[in-house]
Amino acid sequence: MKTKRADWVILAVSLLLFGGLSLYVMFQGQDGAYAVVTVDGTEIASYPLDTDLTTVIEGYDGGENVLEIKDGRAKIISADCPDGSCTHQKAIHADQETIVCLPHRVVVLIRSGEENEIDALTR
């Protein structure tokens, strides 16, 4: 089967659309304002991202995670859990990004500080 000119045009247009959509999704995330920390589903603290700090989070059942906020990004820099996978997650800064430590039941969630347009769903 021969490749026709129309096939190349369709391929080029598809690649341009895919590339444009990828760039839009990559850069559309809104920077957050706060790192909200929850342990076992209960919010225990909220830290502004514009202030550098390092703090210890007391996790579930006595575990400890160390949260560092630096240059507008939040990261777990150490944890005494068995696998330490939360320390390998990237630093977060965009609204709704999370870091999770399952053994200690710690979740760090970035919030923008602005209210969402949709505040509830009804049936």
PDB file of N, CA and C in Angstrom:
ATOM      1  N   MET A   1       0.837  -1.166   0.000  1.00  0.00           N
ATOM      2  CA  MET A   1       0.000   0.000   0.000  1.00  0.00           C
ATOM      3  C   MET A   1       0.892   1.243   0.000  1.00  0.00           C
ATOM      4  N   LYS A   2       0.607   2.176  -0.855  1.00  0.00           N
ATOM      5  CA  LYS A   2       1.403   3.393  -0.985  1.00  0.00           C
ATOM      6  C   LYS A   2       0.927   4.472  -0.013  1.00  0.00           C
ATOM      7  N   THR A   3       1.879   5.220   0.482  1.00  0.00           N
ATOM      8  CA  THR A   3       1.544   6.355   1.322  1.00  0.00           C
ATOM      9  C   THR A   3       1.208   7.535   0.421  1.00  0.00           C
ATOM     10  N   LYS A   4       0.065   8.137   0.697  1.00  0.00           N
ATOM     11  CA  LYS A   4      -0.378   9.265  -0.107  1.00  0.00           C
ATOM     12  C   LYS A   4      -0.104  10.570   0.619  1.00  0.00           C
ATOM     13  N   ARG A   5      -0.183  11.648  -0.140  1.00  0.00           N
ATOM     14  CA  ARG A   5       0.059  12.974   0.421  1.00  0.00           C
ATOM     15  C   ARG A   5      -0.942  13.269   1.552  1.00  0.00           C
ATOM     16  N   ALA A   6      -2.183  12.862   1.388  1.00  0.00           N
ATOM     17  CA  ALA A   6      -3.207  13.095   2.414  1.00  0.00           C
ATOM     18  C   ALA A   6      -2.846  12.394   3.726  1.00  0.00           C
ATOM     19  N   ASP A   7      -2.204  11.234   3.649  1.00  0.00           N
ATOM     20  CA  ASP A   7      -1.781  10.528   4.858  1.00  0.00           C
ATOM     21  C   ASP A   7      -0.756  11.361   5.630  1.00  0.00           C
ATOM     22  N   TRP A   8       0.178  11.971   4.924  1.00  0.00           N
ATOM     23  CA  TRP A   8       1.195  12.810   5.563  1.00  0.00           C
ATOM     24  C   TRP A   8       0.572  14.057   6.181  1.00  0.00           C
ATOM     25  N   VAL A   9      -0.408  14.627   5.522  1.00  0.00           N
ATOM     26  CA  VAL A   9      -1.085  15.814   6.051  1.00  0.00           C
ATOM     27  C   VAL A   9      -1.827  15.455   7.333  1.00  0.00           C
ATOM     28  N   ILE A  10      -2.530  14.337   7.330  1.00  0.00           N
ATOM     29  CA  ILE A  10      -3.257  13.894   8.528  1.00  0.00           C
ATOM     30  C   ILE A  10      -2.282  13.634   9.673  1.00  0.00           C
ATOM     31  N   LEU A  11      -1.158  13.003   9.373  1.00  0.00           N
ATOM     32  CA  LEU A  11      -0.149  12.733  10.394  1.00  0.00           C
ATOM     33  C   LEU A  11       0.404  14.036  10.974  1.00  0.00           C
ATOM     34  N   ALA A  12       0.714  15.001  10.119  1.00  0.00           N
ATOM     35  CA  ALA A  12       1.270  16.278  10.580  1.00  0.00           C
ATOM     36  C   ALA A  12       0.266  17.038  11.446  1.00  0.00           C
ATOM     37  N   VAL A  13      -0.983  17.092  11.019  1.00  0.00           N
ATOM     38  CA  VAL A  13      -2.017  17.789  11.792  1.00  0.00           C
ATOM     39  C   VAL A  13      -2.228  17.096  13.140  1.00  0.00           C
ATOM     40  N   SER A  14      -2.229  15.780  13.142  1.00  0.00           N
ATOM     41  CA  SER A  14      -2.394  15.033  14.393  1.00  0.00           C
ATOM     42  C   SER A  14      -1.259  15.316  15.363  1.00  0.00           C
ATOM     43  N   LEU A  15      -0.025  15.333  14.868  1.00  0.00           N
ATOM     44  CA  LEU A  15       1.120  15.617  15.724  1.00  0.00           C
ATOM     45  C   LEU A  15       1.072  17.034  16.278  1.00  0.00           C
ATOM     46  N   LEU A  16       0.667  18.000  15.472  1.00  0.00           N
ATOM     47  CA  LEU A  16       0.550  19.378  15.940  1.00  0.00           C
ATOM     48  C   LEU A  16      -0.523  19.503  17.025  1.00  0.00           C
ATOM     49  N   LEU A  17      -1.659  18.871  16.815  1.00  0.00           N
ATOM     50  CA  LEU A  17      -2.724  18.914  17.821  1.00  0.00           C
ATOM     51  C   LEU A  17      -2.288  18.246  19.117  1.00  0.00           C
ATOM     52  N   PHE A  18      -1.657  17.092  19.009  1.00  0.00           N
ATOM     53  CA  PHE A  18      -1.182  16.385  20.192  1.00  0.00           C
ATOM     54  C   PHE A  18      -0.131  17.210  20.934  1.00  0.00           C
ATOM     55  N   GLY A  19       0.799  17.793  20.199  1.00  0.00           N
ATOM     56  CA  GLY A  19       1.835  18.618  20.824  1.00  0.00           C
ATOM     57  C   GLY A  19       1.255  19.839  21.509  1.00  0.00           C
ATOM     58  N   GLY A  20       0.310  20.495  20.849  1.00  0.00           N
ATOM     59  CA  GLY A  20      -0.322  21.674  21.438  1.00  0.00           C
ATOM     60  C   GLY A  20      -1.106  21.326  22.695  1.00  0.00           C
ATOM     61  N   LEU A  21      -1.842  20.233  22.647  1.00  0.00           N
ATOM     62  CA  LEU A  21      -2.611  19.795  23.808  1.00  0.00           C
ATOM     63  C   LEU A  21      -1.683  19.417  24.963  1.00  0.00           C
ATOM     64  N   SER A  22      -0.587  18.763  24.656  1.00  0.00           N
ATOM     65  CA  SER A  22       0.378  18.379  25.691  1.00  0.00           C
ATOM     66  C   SER A  22       0.963  19.605  26.384  1.00  0.00           C
ATOM     67  N   LEU A  23       1.334  20.622  25.614  1.00  0.00           N
ATOM     68  CA  LEU A  23       1.865  21.853  26.192  1.00  0.00           C
ATOM     69  C   LEU A  23       0.821  22.563  27.041  1.00  0.00           C
ATOM     70  N   TYR A  24      -0.415  22.586  26.571  1.00  0.00           N
ATOM     71  CA  TYR A  24      -1.486  23.221  27.331  1.00  0.00           C
ATOM     72  C   TYR A  24      -1.677  22.539  28.684  1.00  0.00           C
ATOM     73  N   VAL A  25      -1.729  21.222  28.695  1.00  0.00           N
ATOM     74  CA  VAL A  25      -1.923  20.476  29.932  1.00  0.00           C
ATOM     75  C   VAL A  25      -0.728  20.675  30.869  1.00  0.00           C
ATOM     76  N   MET A  26       0.477  20.719  30.323  1.00  0.00           N
ATOM     77  CA  MET A  26       1.674  20.851  31.133  1.00  0.00           C
ATOM     78  C   MET A  26       1.736  22.213  31.830  1.00  0.00           C
ATOM     79  N   PHE A  27       1.319  23.277  31.151  1.00  0.00           N
ATOM     80  CA  PHE A  27       1.466  24.614  31.702  1.00  0.00           C
ATOM     81  C   PHE A  27       0.190  25.199  32.282  1.00  0.00           C
ATOM     82  N   GLN A  28      -0.908  24.479  32.252  1.00  0.00           N
ATOM     83  CA  GLN A  28      -2.164  25.030  32.750  1.00  0.00           C
ATOM     84  C   GLN A  28      -2.312  24.938  34.257  1.00  0.00           C
ATOM     85  N   GLY A  29      -1.485  24.129  34.926  1.00  0.00           N
ATOM     86  CA  GLY A  29      -1.606  23.963  36.370  1.00  0.00           C
ATOM     87  C   GLY A  29      -1.324  25.260  37.110  1.00  0.00           C
ATOM     88  N   GLN A  30      -2.189  25.595  38.048  1.00  0.00           N
ATOM     89  CA  GLN A  30      -2.063  26.807  38.833  1.00  0.00           C
ATOM     90  C   GLN A  30      -1.168  26.533  40.029  1.00  0.00           C
ATOM     91  N   ASP A  31      -0.234  27.440  40.294  1.00  0.00           N
ATOM     92  CA  ASP A  31       0.617  27.284  41.465  1.00  0.00           C
ATOM     93  C   ASP A  31      -0.211  27.362  42.734  1.00  0.00           C
ATOM     94  N   GLY A  32       0.171  26.570  43.695  1.00  0.00           N
ATOM     95  CA  GLY A  32      -0.542  26.552  44.955  1.00  0.00           C
ATOM     96  C   GLY A  32      -0.008  27.594  45.914  1.00  0.00           C
ATOM     97  N   ALA A  33      -0.735  27.805  46.998  1.00  0.00           N
ATOM     98  CA  ALA A  33      -0.345  28.772  48.012  1.00  0.00           C
ATOM     99  C   ALA A  33      -0.020  28.110  49.348  1.00  0.00           C
ATOM    100  N   TYR A  34      -0.621  26.934  49.591  1.00  0.00           N
ATOM    101  CA  TYR A  34      -0.468  26.265  50.880  1.00  0.00           C
ATOM    102  C   TYR A  34      -0.208  24.779  50.698  1.00  0.00           C
ATOM    103  N   ALA A  35       0.551  24.217  51.640  1.00  0.00           N
ATOM    104  CA  ALA A  35       0.701  22.772  51.749  1.00  0.00           C
ATOM    105  C   ALA A  35      -0.138  22.343  52.947  1.00  0.00           C
ATOM    106  N   VAL A  36      -1.180  21.578  52.681  1.00  0.00           N
ATOM    107  CA  VAL A  36      -2.074  21.108  53.736  1.00  0.00           C
ATOM    108  C   VAL A  36      -1.667  19.685  54.100  1.00  0.00           C
ATOM    109  N   VAL A  37      -1.410  19.450  55.384  1.00  0.00           N
ATOM    110  CA  VAL A  37      -0.950  18.148  55.866  1.00  0.00           C
ATOM    111  C   VAL A  37      -2.086  17.468  56.622  1.00  0.00           C
ATOM    112  N   THR A  38      -2.385  16.223  56.226  1.00  0.00           N
ATOM    113  CA  THR A  38      -3.363  15.423  56.952  1.00  0.00           C
ATOM    114  C   THR A  38      -2.707  14.130  57.414  1.00  0.00           C
ATOM    115  N   VAL A  39      -3.122  13.673  58.584  1.00  0.00           N
ATOM    116  CA  VAL A  39      -2.665  12.394  59.123  1.00  0.00           C
ATOM    117  C   VAL A  39      -3.911  11.584  59.450  1.00  0.00           C
ATOM    118  N   ASP A  40      -4.011  10.422  58.847  1.00  0.00           N
ATOM    119  CA  ASP A  40      -5.146   9.520  59.043  1.00  0.00           C
ATOM    120  C   ASP A  40      -6.479  10.232  58.781  1.00  0.00           C
ATOM    121  N   GLY A  41      -6.476  11.105  57.757  1.00  0.00           N
ATOM    122  CA  GLY A  41      -7.687  11.793  57.334  1.00  0.00           C
ATOM    123  C   GLY A  41      -8.018  13.070  58.082  1.00  0.00           C
ATOM    124  N   THR A  42      -7.224  13.429  59.084  1.00  0.00           N
ATOM    125  CA  THR A  42      -7.466  14.634  59.872  1.00  0.00           C
ATOM    126  C   THR A  42      -6.422  15.687  59.521  1.00  0.00           C
ATOM    127  N   GLU A  43      -6.900  16.886  59.164  1.00  0.00           N
ATOM    128  CA  GLU A  43      -5.970  17.974  58.841  1.00  0.00           C
ATOM    129  C   GLU A  43      -5.276  18.421  60.118  1.00  0.00           C
ATOM    130  N   ILE A  44      -3.934  18.416  60.074  1.00  0.00           N
ATOM    131  CA  ILE A  44      -3.186  18.807  61.272  1.00  0.00           C
ATOM    132  C   ILE A  44      -2.449  20.128  61.111  1.00  0.00           C
ATOM    133  N   ALA A  45      -2.173  20.521  59.849  1.00  0.00           N
ATOM    134  CA  ALA A  45      -1.435  21.764  59.651  1.00  0.00           C
ATOM    135  C   ALA A  45      -1.592  22.251  58.217  1.00  0.00           C
ATOM    136  N   SER A  46      -1.331  23.544  58.040  1.00  0.00           N
ATOM    137  CA  SER A  46      -1.325  24.166  56.720  1.00  0.00           C
ATOM    138  C   SER A  46      -0.173  25.158  56.713  1.00  0.00           C
ATOM    139  N   TYR A  47       0.720  25.010  55.742  1.00  0.00           N
ATOM    140  CA  TYR A  47       1.911  25.841  55.684  1.00  0.00           C
ATOM    141  C   TYR A  47       1.943  26.632  54.378  1.00  0.00           C
ATOM    142  N   PRO A  48       2.235  27.932  54.434  1.00  0.00           N
ATOM    143  CA  PRO A  48       2.340  28.711  53.194  1.00  0.00           C
ATOM    144  C   PRO A  48       3.587  28.290  52.415  1.00  0.00           C
ATOM    145  N   LEU A  49       3.456  28.239  51.095  1.00  0.00           N
ATOM    146  CA  LEU A  49       4.590  27.842  50.260  1.00  0.00           C
ATOM    147  C   LEU A  49       5.597  28.969  50.053  1.00  0.00           C
ATOM    148  N   ASP A  50       5.224  30.192  50.412  1.00  0.00           N
ATOM    149  CA  ASP A  50       6.147  31.308  50.197  1.00  0.00           C
ATOM    150  C   ASP A  50       7.107  31.514  51.369  1.00  0.00           C
ATOM    151  N   THR A  51       7.055  30.632  52.369  1.00  0.00           N
ATOM    152  CA  THR A  51       7.949  30.709  53.518  1.00  0.00           C
ATOM    153  C   THR A  51       8.722  29.398  53.625  1.00  0.00           C
ATOM    154  N   ASP A  52      10.047  29.477  53.598  1.00  0.00           N
ATOM    155  CA  ASP A  52      10.872  28.277  53.713  1.00  0.00           C
ATOM    156  C   ASP A  52      10.834  27.762  55.151  1.00  0.00           C
ATOM    157  N   LEU A  53      10.641  26.441  55.298  1.00  0.00           N
ATOM    158  CA  LEU A  53      10.656  25.826  56.623  1.00  0.00           C
ATOM    159  C   LEU A  53      10.895  24.340  56.498  1.00  0.00           C
ATOM    160  N   THR A  54      11.303  23.761  57.603  1.00  0.00           N
ATOM    161  CA  THR A  54      11.442  22.313  57.723  1.00  0.00           C
ATOM    162  C   THR A  54      10.742  21.921  59.021  1.00  0.00           C
ATOM    163  N   THR A  55       9.850  20.932  58.952  1.00  0.00           N
ATOM    164  CA  THR A  55       9.081  20.539  60.130  1.00  0.00           C
ATOM    165  C   THR A  55       8.912  19.028  60.163  1.00  0.00           C
ATOM    166  N   VAL A  56       8.764  18.501  61.364  1.00  0.00           N
ATOM    167  CA  VAL A  56       8.541  17.066  61.558  1.00  0.00           C
ATOM    168  C   VAL A  56       7.044  16.837  61.664  1.00  0.00           C
ATOM    169  N   ILE A  57       6.547  15.866  60.910  1.00  0.00           N
ATOM    170  CA  ILE A  57       5.137  15.483  60.952  1.00  0.00           C
ATOM    171  C   ILE A  57       5.040  14.170  61.722  1.00  0.00           C
ATOM    172  N   GLU A  58       4.255  14.185  62.781  1.00  0.00           N
ATOM    173  CA  GLU A  58       4.018  12.978  63.567  1.00  0.00           C
ATOM    174  C   GLU A  58       2.952  12.163  62.849  1.00  0.00           C
ATOM    175  N   GLY A  59       3.341  11.066  62.246  1.00  0.00           N
ATOM    176  CA  GLY A  59       2.422  10.232  61.500  1.00  0.00           C
ATOM    177  C   GLY A  59       1.662   9.260  62.378  1.00  0.00           C
ATOM    178  N   TYR A  60       0.870   8.428  61.728  1.00  0.00           N
ATOM    179  CA  TYR A  60       0.070   7.410  62.409  1.00  0.00           C
ATOM    180  C   TYR A  60       0.979   6.418  63.123  1.00  0.00           C
ATOM    181  N   ASP A  61       0.609   6.030  64.322  1.00  0.00           N
ATOM    182  CA  ASP A  61       1.313   5.004  65.091  1.00  0.00           C
ATOM    183  C   ASP A  61       2.765   5.386  65.387  1.00  0.00           C
ATOM    184  N   GLY A  62       3.029   6.702  65.573  1.00  0.00           N
ATOM    185  CA  GLY A  62       4.347   7.152  66.011  1.00  0.00           C
ATOM    186  C   GLY A  62       5.383   7.367  64.932  1.00  0.00           C
ATOM    187  N   GLY A  63       5.022   7.195  63.670  1.00  0.00           N
ATOM    188  CA  GLY A  63       5.991   7.412  62.606  1.00  0.00           C
ATOM    189  C   GLY A  63       6.289   8.886  62.403  1.00  0.00           C
ATOM    190  N   GLU A  64       7.439   9.173  61.806  1.00  0.00           N
ATOM    191  CA  GLU A  64       7.825  10.563  61.566  1.00  0.00           C
ATOM    192  C   GLU A  64       8.219  10.782  60.113  1.00  0.00           C
ATOM    193  N   ASN A  65       7.741  11.890  59.561  1.00  0.00           N
ATOM    194  CA  ASN A  65       8.135  12.358  58.239  1.00  0.00           C
ATOM    195  C   ASN A  65       8.657  13.784  58.404  1.00  0.00           C
ATOM    196  N   VAL A  66       9.656  14.144  57.637  1.00  0.00           N
ATOM    197  CA  VAL A  66      10.177  15.506  57.675  1.00  0.00           C
ATOM    198  C   VAL A  66       9.782  16.193  56.378  1.00  0.00           C
ATOM    199  N   LEU A  67       8.986  17.259  56.515  1.00  0.00           N
ATOM    200  CA  LEU A  67       8.510  18.051  55.386  1.00  0.00           C
ATOM    201  C   LEU A  67       9.373  19.291  55.245  1.00  0.00           C
ATOM    202  N   GLU A  68       9.847  19.520  54.029  1.00  0.00           N
ATOM    203  CA  GLU A  68      10.627  20.721  53.739  1.00  0.00           C
ATOM    204  C   GLU A  68       9.876  21.556  52.709  1.00  0.00           C
ATOM    205  N   ILE A  69       9.704  22.832  53.013  1.00  0.00           N
ATOM    206  CA  ILE A  69       9.146  23.780  52.054  1.00  0.00           C
ATOM    207  C   ILE A  69      10.258  24.762  51.730  1.00  0.00           C
ATOM    208  N   LYS A  70      10.608  24.787  50.438  1.00  0.00           N
ATOM    209  CA  LYS A  70      11.736  25.610  50.016  1.00  0.00           C
ATOM    210  C   LYS A  70      11.484  26.084  48.589  1.00  0.00           C
ATOM    211  N   ASP A  71      11.683  27.345  48.337  1.00  0.00           N
ATOM    212  CA  ASP A  71      11.518  27.939  47.009  1.00  0.00           C
ATOM    213  C   ASP A  71      10.131  27.680  46.428  1.00  0.00           C
ATOM    214  N   GLY A  72       9.105  27.694  47.282  1.00  0.00           N
ATOM    215  CA  GLY A  72       7.735  27.526  46.812  1.00  0.00           C
ATOM    216  C   GLY A  72       7.337  26.098  46.502  1.00  0.00           C
ATOM    217  N   ARG A  73       8.124  25.120  46.942  1.00  0.00           N
ATOM    218  CA  ARG A  73       7.843  23.710  46.689  1.00  0.00           C
ATOM    219  C   ARG A  73       7.907  22.932  47.997  1.00  0.00           C
ATOM    220  N   ALA A  74       7.067  21.901  48.099  1.00  0.00           N
ATOM    221  CA  ALA A  74       7.027  21.054  49.294  1.00  0.00           C
ATOM    222  C   ALA A  74       7.547  19.667  48.940  1.00  0.00           C
ATOM    223  N   LYS A  75       8.335  19.076  49.869  1.00  0.00           N
ATOM    224  CA  LYS A  75       8.903  17.748  49.641  1.00  0.00           C
ATOM    225  C   LYS A  75       9.119  17.061  50.980  1.00  0.00           C
ATOM    226  N   ILE A  76       8.852  15.756  51.003  1.00  0.00           N
ATOM    227  CA  ILE A  76       9.207  14.942  52.169  1.00  0.00           C
ATOM    228  C   ILE A  76      10.678  14.565  51.992  1.00  0.00           C
ATOM    229  N   ILE A  77      11.528  15.033  52.902  1.00  0.00           N
ATOM    230  CA  ILE A  77      12.968  14.786  52.730  1.00  0.00           C
ATOM    231  C   ILE A  77      13.456  13.569  53.508  1.00  0.00           C
ATOM    232  N   SER A  78      12.703  13.155  54.533  1.00  0.00           N
ATOM    233  CA  SER A  78      13.060  11.908  55.213  1.00  0.00           C
ATOM    234  C   SER A  78      11.828  11.334  55.904  1.00  0.00           C
ATOM    235  N   ALA A  79      11.861  10.019  56.085  1.00  0.00           N
ATOM    236  CA  ALA A  79      10.771   9.308  56.748  1.00  0.00           C
ATOM    237  C   ALA A  79      11.335   8.034  57.352  1.00  0.00           C
ATOM    238  N   ASP A  80      10.781   7.622  58.488  1.00  0.00           N
ATOM    239  CA  ASP A  80      11.275   6.400  59.124  1.00  0.00           C
ATOM    240  C   ASP A  80      10.395   5.182  58.826  1.00  0.00           C
ATOM    241  N   CYS A  81       9.623   5.276  57.741  1.00  0.00           N
ATOM    242  CA  CYS A  81       8.805   4.130  57.336  1.00  0.00           C
ATOM    243  C   CYS A  81       9.679   3.094  56.618  1.00  0.00           C
ATOM    244  N   PRO A  82       9.207   1.852  56.500  1.00  0.00           N
ATOM    245  CA  PRO A  82      10.039   0.783  55.930  1.00  0.00           C
ATOM    246  C   PRO A  82      10.509   1.026  54.498  1.00  0.00           C
ATOM    247  N   ASP A  83       9.637   1.543  53.623  1.00  0.00           N
ATOM    248  CA  ASP A  83      10.033   1.681  52.222  1.00  0.00           C
ATOM    249  C   ASP A  83      10.535   3.073  51.852  1.00  0.00           C
ATOM    250  N   GLY A  84      10.101   4.095  52.548  1.00  0.00           N
ATOM    251  CA  GLY A  84      10.570   5.451  52.270  1.00  0.00           C
ATOM    252  C   GLY A  84      10.193   5.975  50.902  1.00  0.00           C
ATOM    253  N   SER A  85       9.147   5.420  50.299  1.00  0.00           N
ATOM    254  CA  SER A  85       8.792   5.825  48.933  1.00  0.00           C
ATOM    255  C   SER A  85       8.356   7.286  48.845  1.00  0.00           C
ATOM    256  N   CYS A  86       7.832   7.837  49.931  1.00  0.00           N
ATOM    257  CA  CYS A  86       7.405   9.242  49.895  1.00  0.00           C
ATOM    258  C   CYS A  86       8.597  10.182  49.712  1.00  0.00           C
ATOM    259  N   THR A  87       9.776   9.748  50.132  1.00  0.00           N
ATOM    260  CA  THR A  87      10.963  10.597  49.972  1.00  0.00           C
ATOM    261  C   THR A  87      11.455  10.619  48.529  1.00  0.00           C
ATOM    262  N   HIS A  88      10.991   9.686  47.723  1.00  0.00           N
ATOM    263  CA  HIS A  88      11.400   9.623  46.321  1.00  0.00           C
ATOM    264  C   HIS A  88      10.433  10.370  45.396  1.00  0.00           C
ATOM    265  N   GLN A  89       9.314  10.840  45.948  1.00  0.00           N
ATOM    266  CA  GLN A  89       8.369  11.604  45.134  1.00  0.00           C
ATOM    267  C   GLN A  89       8.928  13.002  44.909  1.00  0.00           C
ATOM    268  N   LYS A  90       8.579  13.584  43.756  1.00  0.00           N
ATOM    269  CA  LYS A  90       9.123  14.895  43.398  1.00  0.00           C
ATOM    270  C   LYS A  90       8.537  15.980  44.293  1.00  0.00           C
ATOM    271  N   ALA A  91       9.230  17.102  44.372  1.00  0.00           N
ATOM    272  CA  ALA A  91       8.716  18.254  45.102  1.00  0.00           C
ATOM    273  C   ALA A  91       7.479  18.769  44.378  1.00  0.00           C
ATOM    274  N   ILE A  92       6.474  19.184  45.142  1.00  0.00           N
ATOM    275  CA  ILE A  92       5.202  19.593  44.552  1.00  0.00           C
ATOM    276  C   ILE A  92       4.958  21.082  44.784  1.00  0.00           C
ATOM    277  N   HIS A  93       4.204  21.696  43.849  1.00  0.00           N
ATOM    278  CA  HIS A  93       3.905  23.118  43.980  1.00  0.00           C
ATOM    279  C   HIS A  93       2.582  23.512  43.337  1.00  0.00           C
ATOM    280  N   ALA A  94       2.051  22.699  42.430  1.00  0.00           N
ATOM    281  CA  ALA A  94       0.827  23.044  41.698  1.00  0.00           C
ATOM    282  C   ALA A  94      -0.412  22.609  42.483  1.00  0.00           C
ATOM    283  N   ASP A  95      -1.486  23.355  42.314  1.00  0.00           N
ATOM    284  CA  ASP A  95      -2.753  23.080  42.984  1.00  0.00           C
ATOM    285  C   ASP A  95      -3.184  21.627  42.762  1.00  0.00           C
ATOM    286  N   GLN A  96      -3.545  20.954  43.840  1.00  0.00           N
ATOM    287  CA  GLN A  96      -4.044  19.576  43.869  1.00  0.00           C
ATOM    288  C   GLN A  96      -2.965  18.499  43.721  1.00  0.00           C
ATOM    289  N   GLU A  97      -1.695  18.851  43.680  1.00  0.00           N
ATOM    290  CA  GLU A  97      -0.643  17.830  43.693  1.00  0.00           C
ATOM    291  C   GLU A  97      -0.524  17.263  45.106  1.00  0.00           C
ATOM    292  N   THR A  98      -0.120  15.996  45.209  1.00  0.00           N
ATOM    293  CA  THR A  98      -0.020  15.360  46.522  1.00  0.00           C
ATOM    294  C   THR A  98       1.257  14.550  46.673  1.00  0.00           C
ATOM    295  N   ILE A  99       1.643  14.386  47.918  1.00  0.00           N
ATOM    296  CA  ILE A  99       2.660  13.419  48.328  1.00  0.00           C
ATOM    297  C   ILE A  99       1.985  12.555  49.381  1.00  0.00           C
ATOM    298  N   VAL A 100       2.155  11.240  49.283  1.00  0.00           N
ATOM    299  CA  VAL A 100       1.484  10.321  50.193  1.00  0.00           C
ATOM    300  C   VAL A 100       2.504   9.375  50.820  1.00  0.00           C
ATOM    301  N   CYS A 101       2.389   9.203  52.126  1.00  0.00           N
ATOM    302  CA  CYS A 101       3.152   8.187  52.860  1.00  0.00           C
ATOM    303  C   CYS A 101       2.125   7.228  53.445  1.00  0.00           C
ATOM    304  N   LEU A 102       1.971   6.072  52.826  1.00  0.00           N
ATOM    305  CA  LEU A 102       0.942   5.119  53.263  1.00  0.00           C
ATOM    306  C   LEU A 102       1.187   4.537  54.657  1.00  0.00           C
ATOM    307  N   PRO A 103       2.414   4.103  54.989  1.00  0.00           N
ATOM    308  CA  PRO A 103       2.597   3.514  56.317  1.00  0.00           C
ATOM    309  C   PRO A 103       2.257   4.480  57.462  1.00  0.00           C
ATOM    310  N   HIS A 104       2.544   5.764  57.268  1.00  0.00           N
ATOM    311  CA  HIS A 104       2.279   6.750  58.322  1.00  0.00           C
ATOM    312  C   HIS A 104       0.944   7.475  58.135  1.00  0.00           C
ATOM    313  N   ARG A 105       0.248   7.142  57.029  1.00  0.00           N
ATOM    314  CA  ARG A 105      -1.046   7.753  56.697  1.00  0.00           C
ATOM    315  C   ARG A 105      -0.948   9.280  56.609  1.00  0.00           C
ATOM    316  N   VAL A 106       0.141   9.756  56.029  1.00  0.00           N
ATOM    317  CA  VAL A 106       0.382  11.195  55.860  1.00  0.00           C
ATOM    318  C   VAL A 106       0.128  11.570  54.417  1.00  0.00           C
ATOM    319  N   VAL A 107      -0.631  12.660  54.227  1.00  0.00           N
ATOM    320  CA  VAL A 107      -0.870  13.205  52.897  1.00  0.00           C
ATOM    321  C   VAL A 107      -0.530  14.690  52.931  1.00  0.00           C
ATOM    322  N   VAL A 108       0.280  15.127  51.977  1.00  0.00           N
ATOM    323  CA  VAL A 108       0.570  16.548  51.796  1.00  0.00           C
ATOM    324  C   VAL A 108      -0.107  16.951  50.492  1.00  0.00           C
ATOM    325  N   LEU A 109      -1.036  17.898  50.576  1.00  0.00           N
ATOM    326  CA  LEU A 109      -1.825  18.344  49.428  1.00  0.00           C
ATOM    327  C   LEU A 109      -1.600  19.829  49.217  1.00  0.00           C
ATOM    328  N   ILE A 110      -1.345  20.214  47.970  1.00  0.00           N
ATOM    329  CA  ILE A 110      -1.172  21.627  47.642  1.00  0.00           C
ATOM    330  C   ILE A 110      -2.531  22.222  47.319  1.00  0.00           C
ATOM    331  N   ARG A 111      -2.814  23.368  47.921  1.00  0.00           N
ATOM    332  CA  ARG A 111      -4.056  24.102  47.664  1.00  0.00           C
ATOM    333  C   ARG A 111      -3.704  25.488  47.152  1.00  0.00           C
ATOM    334  N   SER A 112      -4.547  26.000  46.266  1.00  0.00           N
ATOM    335  CA  SER A 112      -4.286  27.314  45.677  1.00  0.00           C
ATOM    336  C   SER A 112      -4.711  28.452  46.585  1.00  0.00           C
ATOM    337  N   GLY A 113      -5.606  28.191  47.514  1.00  0.00           N
ATOM    338  CA  GLY A 113      -6.105  29.252  48.357  1.00  0.00           C
ATOM    339  C   GLY A 113      -7.335  29.923  47.777  1.00  0.00           C
ATOM    340  N   GLU A 114      -7.695  29.570  46.546  1.00  0.00           N
ATOM    341  CA  GLU A 114      -8.878  30.120  45.905  1.00  0.00           C
ATOM    342  C   GLU A 114      -9.981  29.081  45.924  1.00  0.00           C
ATOM    343  N   GLU A 115     -11.208  29.547  45.991  1.00  0.00           N
ATOM    344  CA  GLU A 115     -12.348  28.644  45.961  1.00  0.00           C
ATOM    345  C   GLU A 115     -12.557  28.117  44.550  1.00  0.00           C
ATOM    346  N   ASN A 116     -12.941  26.866  44.430  1.00  0.00           N
ATOM    347  CA  ASN A 116     -13.270  26.287  43.138  1.00  0.00           C
ATOM    348  C   ASN A 116     -14.618  26.811  42.678  1.00  0.00           C
ATOM    349  N   GLU A 117     -14.830  26.833  41.347  1.00  0.00           N
ATOM    350  CA  GLU A 117     -16.100  27.273  40.814  1.00  0.00           C
ATOM    351  C   GLU A 117     -17.219  26.314  41.210  1.00  0.00           C
ATOM    352  N   ILE A 118     -16.934  25.036  41.213  1.00  0.00           N
ATOM    353  CA  ILE A 118     -17.922  24.020  41.581  1.00  0.00           C
ATOM    354  C   ILE A 118     -17.641  23.623  43.012  1.00  0.00           C
ATOM    355  N   ASP A 119     -18.612  23.826  43.893  1.00  0.00           N
ATOM    356  CA  ASP A 119     -18.390  23.497  45.287  1.00  0.00           C
ATOM    357  C   ASP A 119     -19.140  22.250  45.733  1.00  0.00           C
ATOM    358  N   ALA A 120     -20.038  21.728  44.890  1.00  0.00           N
ATOM    359  CA  ALA A 120     -20.745  20.507  45.246  1.00  0.00           C
ATOM    360  C   ALA A 120     -21.435  19.941  44.003  1.00  0.00           C
ATOM    361  N   LEU A 121     -21.637  18.668  44.037  1.00  0.00           N
ATOM    362  CA  LEU A 121     -22.386  18.002  42.978  1.00  0.00           C
ATOM    363  C   LEU A 121     -23.667  17.443  43.577  1.00  0.00           C
ATOM    364  N   THR A 122     -24.744  17.575  42.851  1.00  0.00           N
ATOM    365  CA  THR A 122     -26.017  17.037  43.333  1.00  0.00           C
ATOM    366  C   THR A 122     -26.611  16.119  42.295  1.00  0.00           C
ATOM    367  N   ARG A 123     -27.503  15.279  42.750  1.00  0.00           N
ATOM    368  CA  ARG A 123     -28.182  14.378  41.826  1.00  0.00           C
ATOM    369  C   ARG A 123     -29.648  14.713  41.809  1.00  0.00           C
TER     370      ARG A 123
END
